[in-house]
Amino acid sequence: MKWLVTGAGGMLGHDLLKVLAHEDVTALTRSQLDIADPAAVSQAVAGHDIVINAAAWTDVDGAETAEEQATLINGVAVGYLAQACEANGAKLLQVSTDYVLNGHATSPYPEDAPTGPLNAYGRGKLVGETAALSIAGGYVIRTEWLYGEHGKNFVSTMLKLSAQREFLDVVDDQLGQPTWSLALAEQLVALGLSDAPPGVYHGTAAGEVTWHGLAQAVFSLAGLDPQRIRPVSSSAFPRPAPRPSYSVLGHGRWLAAGLAPQAPWEDQLKAALPALLSQAR
């Protein structure tokens, strides 16, 4: 199988290349491939069997004032990838987000839950989902609260701030699933190699926790006092883009396809923390 990874310079892209180290892979960074250029996309996809699109506009708040540009990358450009994959008979694995959902649920969202984005970023990603699912080999993998060794993220920020501040105020009224980018990369590759049917899959860790609970877990595992993390409401940190209060996703589609869901978030954090601690020192 010949793989193409777009957005290969990002946090998830780095981990995908690690997982695919022994495969036939073309890795293209943002500077090497503009996915909003349909001719370049067509040329890049040619000859590949599986395309994982890890390229994205990731500035959630910035999308509020630049929705057209964000949707071009997260939505319209996915259509170019989908068309090229369909023309070449390739699978397309499109990485998406919990932000396509409305965030008002009280139990885990199934993969077929109605969508209803709260912000511009989510609207753009939903355009991308629709494009990916329009082809026979289209897969959408929604993830959230990603952290890892190769990019800025909440876990690494908590570790850095622990050396700078005695106390940290962290939001305690948003519930989600912290997900290690390496675990997601492994799951994406397993999905690409499988005979699982196309459609929507939820690529998140098992379990649920608030940002405050996650920060306390980071401190505990790092040998720090978790009581230094103080709970606050979202209103203490107003942001341009509304955030969902509930972002817990169900994983039934993996089980139905005969594939394993991801491990609990606590186990992922324990496995990921040594590398992140090393970076923070």
Protein backbone atom coordinates (compact mmCIF):
# COMPACT_ATOMS: atom_id res chain seq x y z
CA MET A 1 0.00 0.00 0.00
CA LYS A 2 1.19 3.50 -0.81
CA TRP A 3 0.30 6.14 1.76
CA LEU A 4 0.08 9.92 1.46
CA VAL A 5 0.13 12.03 4.63
CA THR A 6 -0.73 15.70 4.24
CA GLY A 7 0.09 18.14 7.03
CA ALA A 8 3.08 15.95 7.84
CA GLY A 9 4.85 18.73 9.75
CA GLY A 10 2.20 19.00 12.48
CA MET A 11 1.82 17.19 15.79
CA LEU A 12 -0.37 14.42 14.39
CA GLY A 13 1.63 14.30 11.14
CA HIS A 14 4.84 13.58 13.03
CA ASP A 15 3.20 10.69 14.89
CA LEU A 16 1.67 9.29 11.71
CA LEU A 17 5.12 9.11 10.15
CA LYS A 18 6.39 7.32 13.25
CA VAL A 19 3.63 4.71 13.00
CA LEU A 20 4.15 4.37 9.23
CA ALA A 21 7.95 4.13 9.51
CA HIS A 22 8.05 0.77 7.72
CA GLU A 23 5.44 1.60 5.07
CA ASP A 24 5.70 3.22 1.64
CA VAL A 25 4.83 6.81 2.57
CA THR A 26 4.84 10.20 0.89
CA ALA A 27 4.90 12.88 3.59
CA LEU A 28 4.01 16.42 2.56
CA THR A 29 4.11 19.43 4.85
CA ARG A 30 2.07 22.60 4.40
CA SER A 31 4.94 24.24 2.52
CA GLN A 32 5.22 21.24 0.20
CA LEU A 33 1.51 20.91 -0.62
CA ASP A 34 -1.18 23.56 -0.56
CA ILE A 35 -4.30 21.44 -0.27
CA ALA A 36 -6.34 24.42 -1.50
CA ASP A 37 -4.64 24.05 -4.90
CA PRO A 38 -6.71 21.44 -6.79
CA ALA A 39 -4.06 20.83 -9.46
CA ALA A 40 -1.35 20.26 -6.86
CA VAL A 41 -3.66 17.97 -4.90
CA SER A 42 -4.48 15.90 -7.97
CA GLN A 43 -0.80 15.45 -8.72
CA ALA A 44 0.07 14.57 -5.11
CA VAL A 45 -2.67 11.97 -4.68
CA ALA A 46 -1.92 10.14 -7.94
CA GLY A 47 -0.45 6.68 -7.34
CA HIS A 48 -1.43 6.43 -3.67
CA ASP A 49 -3.83 3.95 -2.06
CA ILE A 50 -4.55 5.66 1.26
CA VAL A 51 -4.56 9.40 1.99
CA ILE A 52 -4.61 10.71 5.56
CA ASN A 53 -5.40 14.41 5.66
CA ALA A 54 -3.78 15.89 8.75
CA ALA A 55 -3.54 19.35 7.16
CA ALA A 56 -5.89 21.88 8.74
CA TRP A 57 -6.57 25.42 9.87
CA THR A 58 -6.21 24.93 13.63
CA ASP A 59 -6.78 28.46 14.97
CA VAL A 60 -10.27 28.03 16.40
CA ASP A 61 -10.62 31.60 17.62
CA GLY A 62 -9.04 33.05 14.49
CA ALA A 63 -11.67 31.33 12.36
CA GLU A 64 -14.33 33.60 13.85
CA THR A 65 -12.95 36.56 11.90
CA ALA A 66 -11.51 34.58 8.98
CA GLU A 67 -14.24 32.02 8.36
CA GLU A 68 -13.84 32.03 4.58
CA GLN A 69 -10.13 31.27 4.80
CA ALA A 70 -10.62 28.64 7.51
CA THR A 71 -13.38 26.94 5.53
CA LEU A 72 -11.22 26.96 2.41
CA ILE A 73 -8.62 24.81 4.19
CA ASN A 74 -10.89 22.73 6.45
CA GLY A 75 -13.77 22.33 4.01
CA VAL A 76 -13.37 23.24 0.36
CA ALA A 77 -9.86 21.81 0.10
CA VAL A 78 -11.07 18.49 1.49
CA GLY A 79 -13.34 18.38 -1.53
CA TYR A 80 -10.28 18.59 -3.78
CA LEU A 81 -8.69 15.71 -1.88
CA ALA A 82 -11.89 13.69 -2.08
CA GLN A 83 -12.17 14.19 -5.85
CA ALA A 84 -8.54 13.17 -6.35
CA CYS A 85 -8.97 10.09 -4.15
CA GLU A 86 -12.09 9.05 -6.02
CA ALA A 87 -10.31 9.46 -9.36
CA ASN A 88 -7.46 7.23 -8.13
CA GLY A 89 -9.55 4.69 -6.24
CA ALA A 90 -7.87 5.70 -2.97
CA LYS A 91 -9.23 5.80 0.56
CA LEU A 92 -9.45 9.23 2.20
CA LEU A 93 -9.15 9.46 5.98
CA GLN A 94 -10.24 12.98 6.96
CA VAL A 95 -9.42 14.10 10.50
CA SER A 96 -12.30 16.11 11.94
CA THR A 97 -13.44 17.44 15.29
CA ASP A 98 -16.03 17.27 18.05
CA TYR A 99 -16.78 20.92 17.21
CA VAL A 100 -19.15 19.79 14.44
CA LEU A 101 -21.55 18.80 17.26
CA ASN A 102 -23.63 21.18 19.36
CA GLY A 103 -22.02 20.42 22.73
CA HIS A 104 -25.31 20.26 24.62
CA ALA A 105 -25.60 16.50 25.12
CA THR A 106 -25.44 14.73 28.48
CA SER A 107 -24.38 11.27 27.24
CA PRO A 108 -21.74 10.27 24.68
CA TYR A 109 -22.53 11.28 21.10
CA PRO A 110 -22.96 8.31 18.74
CA GLU A 111 -21.31 8.60 15.35
CA ASP A 112 -24.65 9.32 13.69
CA ALA A 113 -25.65 12.11 16.08
CA PRO A 114 -27.06 15.22 14.37
CA THR A 115 -24.43 17.88 13.76
CA GLY A 116 -24.77 21.52 14.84
CA PRO A 117 -21.51 23.48 15.06
CA LEU A 118 -21.27 26.27 17.64
CA ASN A 119 -18.50 28.21 15.91
CA ALA A 120 -16.93 29.05 12.55
CA TYR A 121 -14.21 26.45 12.92
CA GLY A 122 -16.81 23.71 13.41
CA ARG A 123 -18.82 24.90 10.42
CA GLY A 124 -15.75 24.71 8.22
CA LYS A 125 -14.84 21.23 9.43
CA LEU A 126 -18.40 20.08 8.76
CA VAL A 127 -17.99 21.17 5.13
CA GLY A 128 -14.91 18.95 5.05
CA GLU A 129 -16.81 16.02 6.55
CA THR A 130 -19.52 16.31 3.91
CA ALA A 131 -16.90 16.35 1.15
CA ALA A 132 -15.06 13.30 2.50
CA LEU A 133 -18.25 11.29 2.96
CA SER A 134 -19.39 12.07 -0.58
CA ILE A 135 -17.01 9.49 -2.07
CA ALA A 136 -17.09 5.71 -1.83
CA GLY A 137 -13.81 5.50 0.10
CA GLY A 138 -14.39 8.41 2.46
CA TYR A 139 -13.77 8.16 6.20
CA VAL A 140 -14.21 10.89 8.83
CA ILE A 141 -12.39 10.50 12.13
CA ARG A 142 -13.45 13.02 14.77
CA THR A 143 -11.00 13.78 17.54
CA GLU A 144 -10.55 16.36 20.31
CA TRP A 145 -8.30 17.71 23.06
CA LEU A 146 -5.20 16.45 21.23
CA TYR A 147 -1.82 16.56 22.90
CA GLY A 148 1.54 15.12 21.93
CA GLU A 149 5.27 15.51 21.70
CA HIS A 150 5.49 17.58 18.53
CA GLY A 151 3.27 20.61 19.01
CA LYS A 152 1.77 23.16 21.39
CA ASN A 153 -0.98 21.65 23.51
CA PHE A 154 -2.70 21.86 26.89
CA VAL A 155 -0.61 19.19 28.63
CA SER A 156 2.74 20.69 27.66
CA THR A 157 1.45 24.15 28.59
CA MET A 158 0.48 22.96 32.08
CA LEU A 159 3.94 21.48 32.59
CA LYS A 160 5.66 24.69 31.51
CA LEU A 161 3.42 26.90 33.64
CA SER A 162 4.00 24.69 36.68
CA ALA A 163 7.51 26.12 36.89
CA GLN A 164 6.31 29.70 36.49
CA ARG A 165 3.25 30.01 38.73
CA GLU A 166 2.29 28.78 42.17
CA PHE A 167 -1.38 28.32 41.25
CA LEU A 168 -3.14 27.76 37.92
CA ASP A 169 -6.82 28.50 37.25
CA VAL A 170 -8.31 25.92 34.88
CA VAL A 171 -11.82 25.56 33.46
CA ASP A 172 -13.96 22.95 35.21
CA ASP A 173 -17.25 23.18 33.28
CA GLN A 174 -16.20 21.63 29.95
CA LEU A 175 -16.15 17.84 29.68
CA GLY A 176 -14.19 15.96 27.03
CA GLN A 177 -11.69 13.26 26.14
CA PRO A 178 -7.97 14.13 26.16
CA THR A 179 -6.42 12.18 23.30
CA TRP A 180 -2.74 11.38 22.71
CA SER A 181 -1.80 12.13 19.12
CA LEU A 182 0.28 8.95 18.88
CA ALA A 183 -2.72 6.83 19.93
CA LEU A 184 -4.82 8.56 17.28
CA ALA A 185 -2.11 7.99 14.66
CA GLU A 186 -2.04 4.28 15.47
CA GLN A 187 -5.82 4.11 15.18
CA LEU A 188 -5.86 5.94 11.86
CA VAL A 189 -3.32 3.55 10.37
CA ALA A 190 -5.25 0.53 11.66
CA LEU A 191 -8.41 1.92 10.07
CA GLY A 192 -6.63 2.51 6.76
CA LEU A 193 -5.37 -1.07 6.68
CA SER A 194 -8.73 -2.57 7.62
CA ASP A 195 -11.82 -3.51 5.64
CA ALA A 196 -13.99 -1.34 7.89
CA PRO A 197 -16.83 0.36 6.04
CA PRO A 198 -16.47 4.05 5.18
CA GLY A 199 -18.24 6.61 7.34
CA VAL A 200 -17.82 8.49 10.61
CA TYR A 201 -15.62 7.18 13.43
CA HIS A 202 -14.80 8.84 16.75
CA GLY A 203 -11.04 8.84 17.33
CA THR A 204 -10.83 9.80 21.00
CA ALA A 205 -9.60 8.24 24.21
CA ALA A 206 -12.07 6.34 26.38
CA GLY A 207 -13.51 8.00 29.47
CA GLU A 208 -14.13 11.66 30.21
CA VAL A 209 -12.71 14.49 32.31
CA THR A 210 -12.78 18.28 32.62
CA TRP A 211 -9.83 20.50 31.74
CA HIS A 212 -9.38 21.01 35.49
CA GLY A 213 -9.34 17.27 36.11
CA LEU A 214 -6.85 16.77 33.29
CA ALA A 215 -4.55 19.46 34.69
CA GLN A 216 -4.69 17.83 38.12
CA ALA A 217 -3.83 14.46 36.59
CA VAL A 218 -0.86 15.99 34.76
CA PHE A 219 0.43 17.50 38.00
CA SER A 220 -0.05 14.26 39.94
CA LEU A 221 1.83 12.19 37.35
CA ALA A 222 4.61 14.79 37.26
CA GLY A 223 5.04 14.58 41.04
CA LEU A 224 3.49 18.01 41.63
CA ASP A 225 0.72 19.04 44.01
CA PRO A 226 -2.62 18.80 42.13
CA GLN A 227 -4.16 21.24 44.63
CA ARG A 228 -2.22 23.97 42.85
CA ILE A 229 -4.86 23.66 40.10
CA ARG A 230 -7.90 25.78 40.97
CA PRO A 231 -11.31 25.26 39.28
CA VAL A 232 -12.96 28.16 37.47
CA SER A 233 -15.87 28.52 35.06
CA SER A 234 -15.51 29.18 31.33
CA SER A 235 -16.65 32.74 31.94
CA ALA A 236 -13.26 33.41 33.55
CA PHE A 237 -11.61 32.93 30.15
CA PRO A 238 -13.88 34.48 27.49
CA ARG A 239 -12.93 33.42 23.97
CA PRO A 240 -14.06 34.66 20.53
CA ALA A 241 -15.26 31.17 19.54
CA PRO A 242 -17.87 29.45 21.74
CA ARG A 243 -16.71 26.11 23.16
CA PRO A 244 -18.99 23.11 23.76
CA SER A 245 -19.62 22.25 27.39
CA TYR A 246 -19.93 18.53 26.57
CA SER A 247 -17.64 16.82 24.07
CA VAL A 248 -17.75 13.15 25.01
CA LEU A 249 -17.90 10.90 21.95
CA GLY A 250 -19.10 7.30 21.71
CA HIS A 251 -17.03 4.59 20.02
CA GLY A 252 -19.59 2.06 18.87
CA ARG A 253 -18.52 2.20 15.22
CA TRP A 254 -15.07 0.75 16.00
CA LEU A 255 -16.57 -2.23 17.77
CA ALA A 256 -19.05 -2.81 14.95
CA ALA A 257 -16.14 -2.80 12.48
CA GLY A 258 -14.13 -5.28 14.56
CA LEU A 259 -11.52 -2.68 15.56
CA ALA A 260 -10.41 -1.71 19.05
CA PRO A 261 -11.36 1.69 20.44
CA GLN A 262 -8.63 3.74 22.06
CA ALA A 263 -7.40 3.18 25.62
CA PRO A 264 -8.68 5.30 28.55
CA TRP A 265 -7.34 8.83 28.68
CA GLU A 266 -5.57 8.15 31.98
CA ASP A 267 -3.53 5.32 30.42
CA GLN A 268 -2.66 7.43 27.41
CA LEU A 269 -1.50 10.31 29.61
CA LYS A 270 0.78 8.02 31.63
CA ALA A 271 2.38 6.71 28.45
CA ALA A 272 2.79 10.14 26.87
CA LEU A 273 4.03 12.11 29.87
CA PRO A 274 7.72 11.09 29.98
CA ALA A 275 8.44 12.67 26.59
CA LEU A 276 6.44 15.78 27.45
CA LEU A 277 8.20 16.13 30.80
CA SER A 278 11.55 15.90 29.04
CA GLN A 279 10.54 18.75 26.75
CA ALA A 280 9.33 20.92 29.62
CA ARG A 281 12.66 20.73 31.49
